[in-house]
Amino acid sequence: MDEQLLIMLAFMEGTGILAPFIFVFFHVLRQFLFIPVVILCMAGGILFGSFLGTVYSMAGLLLLSALFYFCIRRMPGTHAKLMTIKYKWFGRYTKMTVGQIAVLRLIPFFHYHLLNLCLLERRPDFKGFMKGAFATNLPLAFFYTVFGEFITHFTPTIAVIIICSLLLLFYILREKIATVSWEDFFNHPKQGKNPC
């Protein structure tokens, strides 16, 4: 992974005016190369500086979110796998708020497209989804572009404190109610034997 990132950085430095377009497009290709979003946002800060790196990362992440919106419905197998992961991690009836999704995007080991799926459940129309994608991707792009260089120098203790603080913030921002359908509430598994 480090070799791929170094090759990408060297290539972009030599492309001049095309570098921002290649960087934005690289956000779409990143998932096929198994490069985390965090590392790519940090690379944007190194290549373009804080402001332009954040702008280009946001453009790439919004393009990726739009592609996810249009492609996930055409990929039922991937959709089912993501739903299974969501049920295991968050529960069947949990609907995360936009604030919770934004906080989870800041934690590097959360699956980016799983959080996109949670956002799609919250806002199923394209305009609402893209507004939510902008709101949830902005903290990610800004934080890791501006502070990326300093985060890599944190001690493990400070990193654990930051992650615990983000998890606490995730808990505080949760939705306080869950809606369960009548059929699901009274649906009991069939028993093989008569209990009497």
Protein backbone atom coordinates (compact mmCIF):
# COMPACT_ATOMS: atom_id res chain seq x y z
CA MET A 1 0.00 0.00 0.00
CA ASP A 2 2.82 2.45 0.83
CA GLU A 3 4.49 1.80 -2.52
CA GLN A 4 1.26 2.53 -4.39
CA LEU A 5 0.81 5.79 -2.48
CA LEU A 6 4.41 6.87 -3.11
CA ILE A 7 4.04 6.12 -6.83
CA MET A 8 0.79 8.11 -6.90
CA LEU A 9 2.41 11.09 -5.12
CA ALA A 10 5.42 11.08 -7.44
CA PHE A 11 3.19 10.82 -10.50
CA MET A 12 0.94 13.68 -9.39
CA GLU A 13 3.87 15.96 -8.61
CA GLY A 14 5.02 15.55 -12.21
CA THR A 15 1.63 16.15 -13.87
CA GLY A 16 1.36 19.86 -13.06
CA ILE A 17 -2.07 21.27 -13.84
CA LEU A 18 -3.68 17.83 -14.14
CA ALA A 19 -2.71 16.88 -10.56
CA PRO A 20 -6.01 18.03 -8.95
CA PHE A 21 -8.09 16.06 -11.47
CA ILE A 22 -5.97 12.96 -11.01
CA PHE A 23 -6.21 13.33 -7.23
CA VAL A 24 -10.01 13.63 -7.34
CA PHE A 25 -10.22 10.60 -9.64
CA PHE A 26 -7.87 8.69 -7.35
CA HIS A 27 -10.48 8.97 -4.59
CA VAL A 28 -12.73 6.79 -6.77
CA LEU A 29 -9.95 4.27 -7.49
CA ARG A 30 -8.72 4.15 -3.90
CA GLN A 31 -11.08 1.40 -2.75
CA PHE A 32 -9.84 -0.98 -5.45
CA LEU A 33 -6.25 -0.42 -4.30
CA PHE A 34 -7.21 -0.85 -0.61
CA ILE A 35 -5.90 2.58 0.39
CA PRO A 36 -7.79 4.09 3.36
CA VAL A 37 -9.56 7.43 2.91
CA VAL A 38 -7.53 8.89 5.78
CA ILE A 39 -4.20 8.31 4.03
CA LEU A 40 -5.45 9.84 0.80
CA CYS A 41 -6.72 12.95 2.62
CA MET A 42 -3.33 13.29 4.33
CA ALA A 43 -1.64 13.00 0.93
CA GLY A 44 -3.89 15.81 -0.33
CA GLY A 45 -2.62 18.03 2.47
CA ILE A 46 0.98 17.21 1.60
CA LEU A 47 0.49 17.80 -2.15
CA PHE A 48 -1.82 20.80 -2.24
CA GLY A 49 -1.77 22.37 1.22
CA SER A 50 -4.57 22.57 3.76
CA PHE A 51 -7.19 24.56 1.86
CA LEU A 52 -6.84 23.08 -1.65
CA GLY A 53 -6.23 19.60 -0.22
CA THR A 54 -9.54 19.83 1.66
CA VAL A 55 -11.36 21.13 -1.44
CA TYR A 56 -9.97 18.38 -3.70
CA SER A 57 -10.61 15.67 -1.10
CA MET A 58 -14.21 16.89 -0.72
CA ALA A 59 -14.67 16.81 -4.51
CA GLY A 60 -13.34 13.25 -4.66
CA LEU A 61 -15.40 12.05 -1.69
CA LEU A 62 -18.60 13.62 -3.06
CA LEU A 63 -17.98 12.02 -6.46
CA LEU A 64 -17.45 8.68 -4.72
CA SER A 65 -20.65 9.12 -2.69
CA ALA A 66 -22.66 9.96 -5.83
CA LEU A 67 -21.31 6.84 -7.56
CA PHE A 68 -22.23 4.79 -4.49
CA TYR A 69 -25.78 6.19 -4.58
CA PHE A 70 -26.32 5.16 -8.19
CA CYS A 71 -24.45 1.84 -8.11
CA ILE A 72 -25.50 0.24 -4.80
CA ARG A 73 -29.04 -0.50 -5.98
CA ARG A 74 -27.66 -2.29 -9.05
CA MET A 75 -25.44 -4.49 -6.87
CA PRO A 76 -27.80 -6.54 -4.65
CA GLY A 77 -25.04 -8.87 -3.42
CA THR A 78 -22.90 -5.99 -2.15
CA HIS A 79 -25.96 -4.29 -0.67
CA ALA A 80 -26.88 -7.48 1.22
CA LYS A 81 -23.30 -7.87 2.54
CA LEU A 82 -23.23 -4.28 3.76
CA MET A 83 -26.64 -4.72 5.42
CA THR A 84 -25.38 -7.85 7.20
CA ILE A 85 -22.37 -5.93 8.51
CA LYS A 86 -24.64 -3.07 9.59
CA TYR A 87 -26.94 -5.44 11.50
CA LYS A 88 -23.95 -7.03 13.26
CA TRP A 89 -22.30 -3.76 14.25
CA PHE A 90 -25.24 -1.47 14.94
CA GLY A 91 -28.34 -3.66 15.25
CA ARG A 92 -31.30 -4.22 12.97
CA TYR A 93 -33.38 -1.19 13.96
CA THR A 94 -30.66 1.40 14.48
CA LYS A 95 -30.90 4.45 12.25
CA MET A 96 -27.86 6.64 12.70
CA THR A 97 -28.08 10.39 12.61
CA VAL A 98 -25.96 12.49 10.25
CA GLY A 99 -23.89 13.64 13.25
CA GLN A 100 -23.13 10.06 14.23
CA ILE A 101 -22.07 9.18 10.69
CA ALA A 102 -19.80 12.25 10.59
CA VAL A 103 -18.14 11.18 13.85
CA LEU A 104 -17.68 7.58 12.68
CA ARG A 105 -16.06 8.80 9.45
CA LEU A 106 -13.35 10.38 11.63
CA ILE A 107 -12.46 6.96 13.09
CA PRO A 108 -10.10 5.43 10.52
CA PHE A 109 -11.13 1.77 10.77
CA PHE A 110 -14.85 2.22 9.95
CA HIS A 111 -15.91 1.05 6.50
CA TYR A 112 -16.56 4.10 4.31
CA HIS A 113 -19.33 2.53 2.21
CA LEU A 114 -21.04 1.02 5.24
CA LEU A 115 -21.46 4.56 6.54
CA ASN A 116 -22.71 5.61 3.09
CA LEU A 117 -25.35 2.87 3.38
CA CYS A 118 -26.38 4.17 6.82
CA LEU A 119 -26.67 7.65 5.31
CA LEU A 120 -28.76 6.25 2.43
CA GLU A 121 -31.18 4.73 4.96
CA ARG A 122 -31.50 8.10 6.67
CA ARG A 123 -31.85 10.13 3.43
CA PRO A 124 -33.02 7.99 0.50
CA ASP A 125 -33.47 10.80 -2.07
CA PHE A 126 -30.42 11.94 -4.07
CA LYS A 127 -30.49 15.60 -3.01
CA GLY A 128 -30.81 14.73 0.68
CA PHE A 129 -28.15 12.02 0.37
CA MET A 130 -25.67 14.42 -1.23
CA LYS A 131 -26.34 17.07 1.43
CA GLY A 132 -25.72 14.43 4.09
CA ALA A 133 -22.60 13.25 2.24
CA PHE A 134 -21.28 16.81 2.20
CA ALA A 135 -21.99 17.25 5.93
CA THR A 136 -20.39 13.92 6.89
CA ASN A 137 -17.36 14.13 4.58
CA LEU A 138 -16.37 17.71 5.42
CA PRO A 139 -15.05 16.94 8.95
CA LEU A 140 -13.16 13.92 7.55
CA ALA A 141 -11.52 15.84 4.71
CA PHE A 142 -10.73 18.90 6.83
CA PHE A 143 -9.44 17.08 9.90
CA TYR A 144 -7.14 14.64 8.13
CA THR A 145 -5.90 17.13 5.54
CA VAL A 146 -5.04 19.88 8.02
CA PHE A 147 -3.95 17.81 10.99
CA GLY A 148 -2.77 14.70 9.16
CA GLU A 149 0.89 15.43 9.66
CA PHE A 150 0.44 15.87 13.42
CA ILE A 151 -1.80 12.82 13.87
CA THR A 152 0.94 10.51 12.65
CA HIS A 153 3.17 11.80 15.48
CA PHE A 154 0.66 11.15 18.27
CA THR A 155 1.59 8.67 20.97
CA PRO A 156 -0.62 5.56 21.26
CA THR A 157 -2.12 6.95 24.49
CA ILE A 158 -3.28 10.16 22.80
CA ALA A 159 -4.63 8.17 19.83
CA VAL A 160 -6.67 5.95 22.19
CA ILE A 161 -8.00 9.03 24.03
CA ILE A 162 -9.07 10.62 20.71
CA ILE A 163 -10.83 7.43 19.54
CA CYS A 164 -12.59 7.01 22.92
CA SER A 165 -13.71 10.65 22.76
CA LEU A 166 -15.11 10.11 19.26
CA LEU A 167 -16.95 6.96 20.41
CA LEU A 168 -18.44 8.90 23.33
CA LEU A 169 -19.55 11.64 20.93
CA PHE A 170 -21.07 8.94 18.68
CA TYR A 171 -23.08 7.64 21.65
CA ILE A 172 -24.28 11.12 22.64
CA LEU A 173 -25.45 11.91 19.07
CA ARG A 174 -27.51 8.72 18.72
CA GLU A 175 -31.21 8.67 17.92
CA LYS A 176 -33.10 7.90 21.12
CA ILE A 177 -35.98 5.89 19.59
CA ALA A 178 -36.25 2.83 17.37
CA THR A 179 -39.24 1.88 15.24
CA VAL A 180 -40.03 -1.83 15.08
CA SER A 181 -42.74 -3.12 12.76
CA TRP A 182 -45.66 -5.06 14.22
CA GLU A 183 -44.71 -8.23 12.30
CA ASP A 184 -41.09 -8.12 13.45
CA PHE A 185 -42.06 -7.55 17.07
CA PHE A 186 -44.40 -10.54 17.20
CA ASN A 187 -42.47 -12.78 14.81
CA HIS A 188 -41.17 -15.71 16.83
CA PRO A 189 -39.04 -18.50 15.37
CA LYS A 190 -40.97 -21.70 14.80
CA GLN A 191 -40.32 -24.25 17.49
CA GLY A 192 -39.79 -27.86 16.47
CA LYS A 193 -41.38 -29.33 19.57
CA ASN A 194 -44.58 -28.56 21.39
CA PRO A 195 -43.63 -26.83 24.64
CA CYS A 196 -46.60 -28.35 26.50
